[in-house]
């Protein structure tokens, strides 16, 4: 992740690298700036980088004297998995940050994200521990929702758990 954010910072602050990038990928192709205030802007940045061809990007970085920013096949694979894992969280974040969020929508989003993380456990090769930790955190934070749909075997009544209020349909 550090290599990607450093590359993006250099891309936006170094004329030579920016010109070489535009020469390689075209003037209309861009990488978002690294913004540390919002997690989703960092994910969009990583997504834009992983949409590039890894070999041509590494060749460009080497030619511009940034060999230390070249990504190995393992690093590239990890970044691709990270983007795949967190992709559904982007629209969920945008949707729940609105002013008129319907509670049922949040309920469905939590269950959908949990389902996505379950499927990622079967497909991820490099980030299984991260997927498990993220899923465990989701289930702990929204334990009441999981208890209400009988996905949590809690001894506590669902109403006593975080987000345990019943949602009427």
C-alpha atoms as a PDB file:
ATOM      1  CA  UNK A   1       0.000   0.000   0.000  1.00  0.00           C
ATOM      2  CA  UNK A   2       2.866   2.358   0.815  1.00  0.00           C
ATOM      3  CA  UNK A   3       4.343   1.886  -2.657  1.00  0.00           C
ATOM      4  CA  UNK A   4       1.019   2.734  -4.287  1.00  0.00           C
ATOM      5  CA  UNK A   5       0.434   5.897  -2.263  1.00  0.00           C
ATOM      6  CA  UNK A   6       4.048   7.002  -2.771  1.00  0.00           C
ATOM      7  CA  UNK A   7       3.702   6.387  -6.517  1.00  0.00           C
ATOM      8  CA  UNK A   8       0.504   8.452  -6.609  1.00  0.00           C
ATOM      9  CA  UNK A   9       2.068  11.295  -4.641  1.00  0.00           C
ATOM     10  CA  UNK A  10       5.071  11.273  -6.977  1.00  0.00           C
ATOM     11  CA  UNK A  11       2.805  11.134 -10.014  1.00  0.00           C
ATOM     12  CA  UNK A  12       0.993  14.279  -8.896  1.00  0.00           C
ATOM     13  CA  UNK A  13       4.119  16.171  -7.816  1.00  0.00           C
ATOM     14  CA  UNK A  14       6.790  15.184 -10.366  1.00  0.00           C
ATOM     15  CA  UNK A  15       6.454  16.601 -13.878  1.00  0.00           C
ATOM     16  CA  UNK A  16       8.729  13.982 -15.465  1.00  0.00           C
ATOM     17  CA  UNK A  17       6.797  11.053 -14.036  1.00  0.00           C
ATOM     18  CA  UNK A  18       3.458  12.648 -14.931  1.00  0.00           C
ATOM     19  CA  UNK A  19       4.584  13.240 -18.534  1.00  0.00           C
ATOM     20  CA  UNK A  20       5.928   9.688 -18.829  1.00  0.00           C
ATOM     21  CA  UNK A  21       2.678   8.306 -17.391  1.00  0.00           C
ATOM     22  CA  UNK A  22       0.579  10.320 -19.844  1.00  0.00           C
ATOM     23  CA  UNK A  23       2.862   9.214 -22.681  1.00  0.00           C
ATOM     24  CA  UNK A  24       2.382   5.574 -21.715  1.00  0.00           C
ATOM     25  CA  UNK A  25      -1.331   5.574 -20.861  1.00  0.00           C
ATOM     26  CA  UNK A  26      -2.717   8.710 -22.529  1.00  0.00           C
ATOM     27  CA  UNK A  27      -3.542  12.158 -21.182  1.00  0.00           C
ATOM     28  CA  UNK A  28      -7.100  11.150 -20.320  1.00  0.00           C
ATOM     29  CA  UNK A  29      -5.988   8.287 -18.034  1.00  0.00           C
ATOM     30  CA  UNK A  30      -5.408   9.383 -14.458  1.00  0.00           C
ATOM     31  CA  UNK A  31      -4.843   8.119 -10.951  1.00  0.00           C
ATOM     32  CA  UNK A  32      -6.687   9.893  -8.116  1.00  0.00           C
ATOM     33  CA  UNK A  33      -4.655  11.817  -5.564  1.00  0.00           C
ATOM     34  CA  UNK A  34      -4.007  10.160  -2.227  1.00  0.00           C
ATOM     35  CA  UNK A  35      -6.435  11.689   0.284  1.00  0.00           C
ATOM     36  CA  UNK A  36      -5.824  10.539   3.826  1.00  0.00           C
ATOM     37  CA  UNK A  37      -9.119  11.762   5.248  1.00  0.00           C
ATOM     38  CA  UNK A  38     -11.347   9.129   3.651  1.00  0.00           C
ATOM     39  CA  UNK A  39     -10.692   5.406   3.354  1.00  0.00           C
ATOM     40  CA  UNK A  40     -12.733   5.100   0.170  1.00  0.00           C
ATOM     41  CA  UNK A  41     -10.522   7.566  -1.710  1.00  0.00           C
ATOM     42  CA  UNK A  42      -7.548   5.333  -0.916  1.00  0.00           C
ATOM     43  CA  UNK A  43      -9.444   2.316  -2.222  1.00  0.00           C
ATOM     44  CA  UNK A  44     -10.312   4.181  -5.435  1.00  0.00           C
ATOM     45  CA  UNK A  45      -6.632   5.056  -5.817  1.00  0.00           C
ATOM     46  CA  UNK A  46      -5.571   1.393  -5.397  1.00  0.00           C
ATOM     47  CA  UNK A  47      -8.314   0.327  -7.800  1.00  0.00           C
ATOM     48  CA  UNK A  48      -7.072   2.785 -10.450  1.00  0.00           C
ATOM     49  CA  UNK A  49      -3.494   1.515 -10.092  1.00  0.00           C
ATOM     50  CA  UNK A  50      -4.503  -2.152 -10.295  1.00  0.00           C
ATOM     51  CA  UNK A  51      -6.468  -1.406 -13.474  1.00  0.00           C
ATOM     52  CA  UNK A  52      -3.114  -0.704 -15.148  1.00  0.00           C
ATOM     53  CA  UNK A  53      -0.928  -3.387 -16.684  1.00  0.00           C
ATOM     54  CA  UNK A  54       1.575  -4.335 -13.946  1.00  0.00           C
ATOM     55  CA  UNK A  55       4.502  -4.967 -16.277  1.00  0.00           C
ATOM     56  CA  UNK A  56       4.136  -1.699 -18.166  1.00  0.00           C
ATOM     57  CA  UNK A  57       3.760   0.200 -14.882  1.00  0.00           C
ATOM     58  CA  UNK A  58       6.911  -1.400 -13.458  1.00  0.00           C
ATOM     59  CA  UNK A  59       8.793  -0.638 -16.690  1.00  0.00           C
ATOM     60  CA  UNK A  60       7.669   2.984 -16.473  1.00  0.00           C
ATOM     61  CA  UNK A  61       8.711   3.259 -12.821  1.00  0.00           C
ATOM     62  CA  UNK A  62      12.143   1.757 -13.505  1.00  0.00           C
ATOM     63  CA  UNK A  63      12.715   4.077 -16.470  1.00  0.00           C
ATOM     64  CA  UNK A  64      11.840   7.091 -14.317  1.00  0.00           C
ATOM     65  CA  UNK A  65      14.209   6.075 -11.511  1.00  0.00           C
ATOM     66  CA  UNK A  66      11.553   4.747  -9.146  1.00  0.00           C
ATOM     67  CA  UNK A  67      12.561   1.094  -9.099  1.00  0.00           C
ATOM     68  CA  UNK A  68      11.784   0.897  -5.377  1.00  0.00           C
ATOM     69  CA  UNK A  69       8.111   1.525  -6.165  1.00  0.00           C
ATOM     70  CA  UNK A  70       7.804  -1.445  -8.537  1.00  0.00           C
ATOM     71  CA  UNK A  71       5.246  -3.981  -7.354  1.00  0.00           C
ATOM     72  CA  UNK A  72       6.058  -7.686  -7.171  1.00  0.00           C
ATOM     73  CA  UNK A  73       3.557 -10.256  -8.454  1.00  0.00           C
ATOM     74  CA  UNK A  74       2.641 -11.056  -4.839  1.00  0.00           C
ATOM     75  CA  UNK A  75       2.047  -7.394  -3.962  1.00  0.00           C
ATOM     76  CA  UNK A  76      -0.026  -6.925  -7.119  1.00  0.00           C
ATOM     77  CA  UNK A  77      -2.114  -9.989  -6.263  1.00  0.00           C
ATOM     78  CA  UNK A  78      -2.692  -8.730  -2.716  1.00  0.00           C
ATOM     79  CA  UNK A  79      -3.829  -5.344  -3.983  1.00  0.00           C
ATOM     80  CA  UNK A  80      -6.211  -6.940  -6.505  1.00  0.00           C
ATOM     81  CA  UNK A  81      -7.721  -9.100  -3.737  1.00  0.00           C
ATOM     82  CA  UNK A  82      -8.044  -6.065  -1.472  1.00  0.00           C
ATOM     83  CA  UNK A  83      -9.944  -4.172  -4.161  1.00  0.00           C
ATOM     84  CA  UNK A  84     -12.191  -7.183  -4.827  1.00  0.00           C
ATOM     85  CA  UNK A  85     -12.846  -7.650  -1.124  1.00  0.00           C
ATOM     86  CA  UNK A  86     -13.692  -4.009  -0.387  1.00  0.00           C
ATOM     87  CA  UNK A  87     -15.480  -3.129  -3.651  1.00  0.00           C
ATOM     88  CA  UNK A  88     -19.012  -3.720  -2.241  1.00  0.00           C
ATOM     89  CA  UNK A  89     -18.207  -1.513   0.736  1.00  0.00           C
ATOM     90  CA  UNK A  90     -17.836   1.572  -1.505  1.00  0.00           C
ATOM     91  CA  UNK A  91     -21.491   1.789  -2.613  1.00  0.00           C
ATOM     92  CA  UNK A  92     -22.624   0.735   0.867  1.00  0.00           C
ATOM     93  CA  UNK A  93     -20.666   3.628   2.377  1.00  0.00           C
ATOM     94  CA  UNK A  94     -22.062   6.088  -0.161  1.00  0.00           C
ATOM     95  CA  UNK A  95     -25.597   4.824   0.416  1.00  0.00           C
ATOM     96  CA  UNK A  96     -25.486   4.953   4.209  1.00  0.00           C
ATOM     97  CA  UNK A  97     -23.924   8.412   4.368  1.00  0.00           C
ATOM     98  CA  UNK A  98     -27.036   9.993   2.900  1.00  0.00           C
ATOM     99  CA  UNK A  99     -29.443  11.955   5.055  1.00  0.00           C
ATOM    100  CA  UNK A 100     -32.487   9.782   4.400  1.00  0.00           C
ATOM    101  CA  UNK A 101     -31.154   6.311   5.122  1.00  0.00           C
ATOM    102  CA  UNK A 102     -33.862   3.725   5.666  1.00  0.00           C
ATOM    103  CA  UNK A 103     -32.923   1.306   8.506  1.00  0.00           C
ATOM    104  CA  UNK A 104     -34.018  -1.696   6.440  1.00  0.00           C
ATOM    105  CA  UNK A 105     -31.463  -0.693   3.823  1.00  0.00           C
ATOM    106  CA  UNK A 106     -28.651  -0.782   6.388  1.00  0.00           C
ATOM    107  CA  UNK A 107     -29.891  -4.153   7.590  1.00  0.00           C
ATOM    108  CA  UNK A 108     -29.710  -5.578   4.059  1.00  0.00           C
ATOM    109  CA  UNK A 109     -26.293  -4.015   3.453  1.00  0.00           C
ATOM    110  CA  UNK A 110     -24.791  -5.640   6.550  1.00  0.00           C
ATOM    111  CA  UNK A 111     -26.108  -9.070   5.559  1.00  0.00           C
ATOM    112  CA  UNK A 112     -24.959  -8.581   1.969  1.00  0.00           C
ATOM    113  CA  UNK A 113     -21.449  -7.578   3.070  1.00  0.00           C
ATOM    114  CA  UNK A 114     -21.280 -10.626   5.339  1.00  0.00           C
ATOM    115  CA  UNK A 115     -22.302 -12.859   2.427  1.00  0.00           C
ATOM    116  CA  UNK A 116     -19.662 -11.258   0.206  1.00  0.00           C
ATOM    117  CA  UNK A 117     -16.975 -11.857   2.840  1.00  0.00           C
ATOM    118  CA  UNK A 118     -18.107 -15.493   3.115  1.00  0.00           C
ATOM    119  CA  UNK A 119     -17.608 -15.939  -0.611  1.00  0.00           C
ATOM    120  CA  UNK A 120     -14.226 -14.174  -0.430  1.00  0.00           C
ATOM    121  CA  UNK A 121     -13.071 -16.756   2.136  1.00  0.00           C
ATOM    122  CA  UNK A 122     -13.461 -19.398  -0.579  1.00  0.00           C
ATOM    123  CA  UNK A 123     -11.635 -17.450  -3.281  1.00  0.00           C
ATOM    124  CA  UNK A 124      -8.944 -15.388  -1.570  1.00  0.00           C
ATOM    125  CA  UNK A 125      -5.409 -16.686  -1.758  1.00  0.00           C
ATOM    126  CA  UNK A 126      -3.410 -14.073   0.083  1.00  0.00           C
ATOM    127  CA  UNK A 127      -5.712 -12.156   2.406  1.00  0.00           C
ATOM    128  CA  UNK A 128      -7.733 -14.873   4.166  1.00  0.00           C
ATOM    129  CA  UNK A 129      -6.707 -13.637   7.632  1.00  0.00           C
ATOM    130  CA  UNK A 130      -7.745 -10.101   6.756  1.00  0.00           C
ATOM    131  CA  UNK A 131     -11.097 -11.299   5.371  1.00  0.00           C
ATOM    132  CA  UNK A 132     -11.767 -13.310   8.555  1.00  0.00           C
ATOM    133  CA  UNK A 133     -10.874 -10.348  10.775  1.00  0.00           C
ATOM    134  CA  UNK A 134     -13.078  -7.991   8.766  1.00  0.00           C
ATOM    135  CA  UNK A 135     -15.996 -10.426   8.885  1.00  0.00           C
ATOM    136  CA  UNK A 136     -15.563 -10.985  12.620  1.00  0.00           C
ATOM    137  CA  UNK A 137     -15.544  -7.221  13.188  1.00  0.00           C
ATOM    138  CA  UNK A 138     -18.689  -6.802  11.075  1.00  0.00           C
ATOM    139  CA  UNK A 139     -20.462  -9.575  12.980  1.00  0.00           C
ATOM    140  CA  UNK A 140     -19.402  -8.164  16.363  1.00  0.00           C
ATOM    141  CA  UNK A 141     -20.431  -4.591  15.554  1.00  0.00           C
ATOM    142  CA  UNK A 142     -23.809  -5.612  14.156  1.00  0.00           C
ATOM    143  CA  UNK A 143     -24.404  -8.614  16.397  1.00  0.00           C
ATOM    144  CA  UNK A 144     -28.032  -7.738  16.998  1.00  0.00           C
ATOM    145  CA  UNK A 145     -28.805  -7.926  13.286  1.00  0.00           C
ATOM    146  CA  UNK A 146     -27.240 -11.370  13.045  1.00  0.00           C
ATOM    147  CA  UNK A 147     -29.140 -12.514  16.158  1.00  0.00           C
ATOM    148  CA  UNK A 148     -32.433 -11.300  14.674  1.00  0.00           C
ATOM    149  CA  UNK A 149     -31.937 -13.388  11.528  1.00  0.00           C
ATOM    150  CA  UNK A 150     -30.726 -16.386  13.549  1.00  0.00           C
ATOM    151  CA  UNK A 151     -27.129 -16.154  12.334  1.00  0.00           C
ATOM    152  CA  UNK A 152     -25.729 -15.597  15.837  1.00  0.00           C
ATOM    153  CA  UNK A 153     -26.191 -18.059  18.682  1.00  0.00           C
ATOM    154  CA  UNK A 154     -26.144 -15.447  21.404  1.00  0.00           C
ATOM    155  CA  UNK A 155     -27.514 -16.135  24.862  1.00  0.00           C
ATOM    156  CA  UNK A 156     -28.476 -12.456  25.060  1.00  0.00           C
ATOM    157  CA  UNK A 157     -31.791 -11.294  23.615  1.00  0.00           C
ATOM    158  CA  UNK A 158     -31.264  -9.557  20.273  1.00  0.00           C
ATOM    159  CA  UNK A 159     -32.705  -6.311  21.655  1.00  0.00           C
ATOM    160  CA  UNK A 160     -29.822  -6.074  24.140  1.00  0.00           C
ATOM    161  CA  UNK A 161     -27.183  -6.353  21.399  1.00  0.00           C
ATOM    162  CA  UNK A 162     -25.798  -3.584  19.156  1.00  0.00           C
ATOM    163  CA  UNK A 163     -28.304  -2.938  16.336  1.00  0.00           C
ATOM    164  CA  UNK A 164     -30.632  -5.526  17.862  1.00  0.00           C
ATOM    165  CA  UNK A 165     -33.862  -3.582  17.441  1.00  0.00           C
ATOM    166  CA  UNK A 166     -36.409  -5.422  15.358  1.00  0.00           C
ATOM    167  CA  UNK A 167     -36.952  -3.864  11.949  1.00  0.00           C
ATOM    168  CA  UNK A 168     -40.517  -4.024  10.696  1.00  0.00           C
ATOM    169  CA  UNK A 169     -41.069  -5.024   7.102  1.00  0.00           C
END
